[in-house]
Amino acid sequence: MKRIVFSTLLLFVFAVGLSIFGFNQNNAAADESLDGKSFQIKVAEHGKDGESSDDELIFKDGKFFSTDCEQYGFGKAPYESMSKGDSTLFKAVATSKKEGKAEWEGKVTGDNIAGTFMWSKEGQDPIIYTYEGMLKK
C-alpha cells in the first residue's frame, strides 16, 4: 500500500512540474531554438543530497539525447519545446527496451538549463532526478 501511495505521489509531483512549466497537449508549440545546442549538467536523485553525476544533454535535428543514459539503452528521442518569455521550455520521453522510460522536462534561460526527469521501469518505483547546468561552448 505504501508503495502505491508513494508512486502516485511521485507521478503527481512530476505532472504538476510539467504543468508549472506550461506544457499541456493544447499549448505545446514547435520551437527550434534548442536545436544544435548541448548542455553540461549535474544530475542528482531527488532527496539524496551531495550525490550527483555528470551528463550531457544534446538537442539536434529535433531529437533529444542524454549521453549518460545511453549506457542504459536510452537513445535519441523527439522533443517538444516552446518559448515562454525569455526562456525555452522542453520535454522529451526516451525509452529503453530493458530499462523503461525516462521523462525529461526542463527550462533553458540564457546559457542555463534546469529541470527534472522521472525514470520509470516496470516492477520498480519511479525515481525522480533533478539537474542543472550550462550551455557547452
Protein backbone atom coordinates (compact mmCIF):
# COMPACT_ATOMS: atom_id res chain seq x y z
CA MET A 1 0.00 0.00 0.00
CA LYS A 2 2.80 2.42 0.88
CA ARG A 3 4.43 1.69 -2.48
CA ILE A 4 1.23 2.60 -4.36
CA VAL A 5 0.77 5.82 -2.40
CA PHE A 6 4.45 6.77 -2.91
CA SER A 7 4.29 6.02 -6.66
CA THR A 8 1.09 8.02 -7.03
CA LEU A 9 2.63 10.94 -5.17
CA LEU A 10 5.72 10.88 -7.39
CA LEU A 11 3.61 10.86 -10.55
CA PHE A 12 1.54 13.75 -9.20
CA VAL A 13 4.66 15.80 -8.41
CA PHE A 14 6.04 15.17 -11.89
CA ALA A 15 2.74 16.10 -13.57
CA VAL A 16 2.50 19.30 -11.55
CA GLY A 17 6.05 20.13 -12.61
CA LEU A 18 5.09 19.78 -16.26
CA SER A 19 2.04 21.99 -15.81
CA ILE A 20 4.09 24.63 -13.98
CA PHE A 21 6.44 24.77 -16.94
CA GLY A 22 3.42 25.35 -19.16
CA PHE A 23 3.16 22.08 -21.03
CA ASN A 24 -0.09 20.50 -21.92
CA GLN A 25 -1.29 18.98 -25.14
CA ASN A 26 -3.07 22.15 -26.22
CA ASN A 27 -0.27 24.69 -25.94
CA ALA A 28 2.98 22.86 -26.79
CA ALA A 29 4.37 24.54 -29.87
CA ALA A 30 7.35 23.76 -32.06
CA ASP A 31 10.39 25.90 -31.27
CA GLU A 32 13.72 25.12 -32.90
CA SER A 33 15.81 27.38 -30.64
CA LEU A 34 17.40 24.40 -28.81
CA ASP A 35 18.47 22.51 -31.93
CA GLY A 36 22.25 22.37 -32.27
CA LYS A 37 22.86 23.07 -28.56
CA SER A 38 24.48 20.86 -25.92
CA PHE A 39 24.47 21.35 -22.15
CA GLN A 40 26.83 20.00 -19.48
CA ILE A 41 24.71 19.15 -16.45
CA LYS A 42 24.91 17.75 -12.93
CA VAL A 43 22.20 15.20 -12.12
CA ALA A 44 21.07 14.24 -8.62
CA GLU A 45 18.42 11.85 -7.40
CA HIS A 46 15.71 13.84 -5.65
CA GLY A 47 16.17 13.63 -1.89
CA LYS A 48 19.79 12.44 -1.99
CA ASP A 49 21.90 15.43 -1.01
CA GLY A 50 25.50 15.65 -2.11
CA GLU A 51 25.40 12.84 -4.67
CA SER A 52 25.48 13.89 -8.32
CA SER A 53 26.77 12.71 -11.66
CA ASP A 54 27.79 14.43 -14.87
CA ASP A 55 25.79 14.21 -18.06
CA GLU A 56 25.50 15.98 -21.38
CA LEU A 57 22.15 16.82 -22.99
CA ILE A 58 22.22 17.20 -26.76
CA PHE A 59 19.48 18.74 -28.93
CA LYS A 60 19.99 18.01 -32.61
CA ASP A 61 17.70 17.60 -35.62
CA GLY A 62 14.57 17.66 -33.45
CA LYS A 63 15.94 14.93 -31.15
CA PHE A 64 17.00 14.94 -27.51
CA PHE A 65 19.81 12.75 -26.19
CA SER A 66 21.37 12.15 -22.76
CA THR A 67 24.90 10.78 -23.11
CA ASP A 68 24.87 9.21 -19.63
CA CYS A 69 21.57 7.41 -20.25
CA GLU A 70 22.96 5.76 -23.39
CA GLN A 71 24.62 3.09 -21.21
CA TYR A 72 21.11 2.02 -20.12
CA GLY A 73 19.85 1.69 -23.68
CA PHE A 74 18.13 5.08 -23.94
CA GLY A 75 18.59 6.56 -27.37
CA LYS A 76 17.59 9.75 -29.11
CA ALA A 77 14.02 10.89 -28.58
CA PRO A 78 11.89 13.58 -30.23
CA TYR A 79 11.46 16.66 -28.06
CA GLU A 80 8.88 19.40 -27.86
CA SER A 81 9.83 22.94 -26.96
CA MET A 82 8.23 26.33 -26.70
CA SER A 83 9.34 29.84 -25.88
CA LYS A 84 7.87 31.46 -22.83
CA GLY A 85 9.19 34.94 -22.11
CA ASP A 86 12.99 34.83 -22.13
CA SER A 87 13.05 31.05 -21.59
CA THR A 88 12.58 27.93 -23.65
CA LEU A 89 10.69 25.03 -22.10
CA PHE A 90 11.10 21.48 -23.36
CA LYS A 91 10.04 17.92 -22.74
CA ALA A 92 11.11 14.57 -24.14
CA VAL A 93 10.41 10.91 -23.42
CA ALA A 94 13.27 8.49 -24.05
CA THR A 95 12.72 4.75 -23.92
CA SER A 96 14.90 1.69 -23.42
CA LYS A 97 13.83 -1.88 -24.18
CA LYS A 98 15.33 -3.10 -20.90
CA GLU A 99 15.28 -0.03 -18.63
CA GLY A 100 11.86 1.54 -19.20
CA LYS A 101 11.14 5.20 -19.77
CA ALA A 102 12.84 8.50 -18.88
CA GLU A 103 10.52 11.52 -19.00
CA TRP A 104 12.54 14.74 -19.20
CA GLU A 105 11.36 18.30 -18.77
CA GLY A 106 13.33 21.48 -18.40
CA LYS A 107 13.78 25.17 -18.79
CA VAL A 108 16.57 26.98 -20.63
CA THR A 109 17.19 30.62 -19.80
CA GLY A 110 20.21 32.19 -21.46
CA ASP A 111 23.05 29.68 -21.11
CA ASN A 112 21.47 27.93 -18.08
CA ILE A 113 19.39 24.78 -18.05
CA ALA A 114 17.48 23.17 -15.16
CA GLY A 115 14.74 20.61 -14.78
CA THR A 116 13.71 17.14 -13.72
CA PHE A 117 13.32 13.72 -15.20
CA MET A 118 11.49 10.68 -13.99
CA TRP A 119 12.80 7.18 -14.69
CA SER A 120 10.09 4.55 -14.55
CA LYS A 121 10.52 0.85 -15.09
CA GLU A 122 8.02 -1.94 -14.68
CA GLY A 123 8.34 -3.59 -11.27
CA GLN A 124 10.04 -0.67 -9.52
CA ASP A 125 9.01 2.66 -8.06
CA PRO A 126 9.69 5.66 -10.31
CA ILE A 127 12.83 7.64 -9.50
CA ILE A 128 12.85 11.44 -9.85
CA TYR A 129 16.06 13.29 -10.65
CA THR A 130 16.83 16.99 -10.78
CA TYR A 131 19.52 18.56 -12.93
CA GLU A 132 21.09 21.89 -13.75
CA GLY A 133 23.91 23.02 -15.93
CA MET A 134 25.30 25.32 -18.60
CA LEU A 135 25.49 25.56 -22.35
CA LYS A 136 28.52 23.73 -23.70
CA LYS A 137 30.60 26.12 -25.81
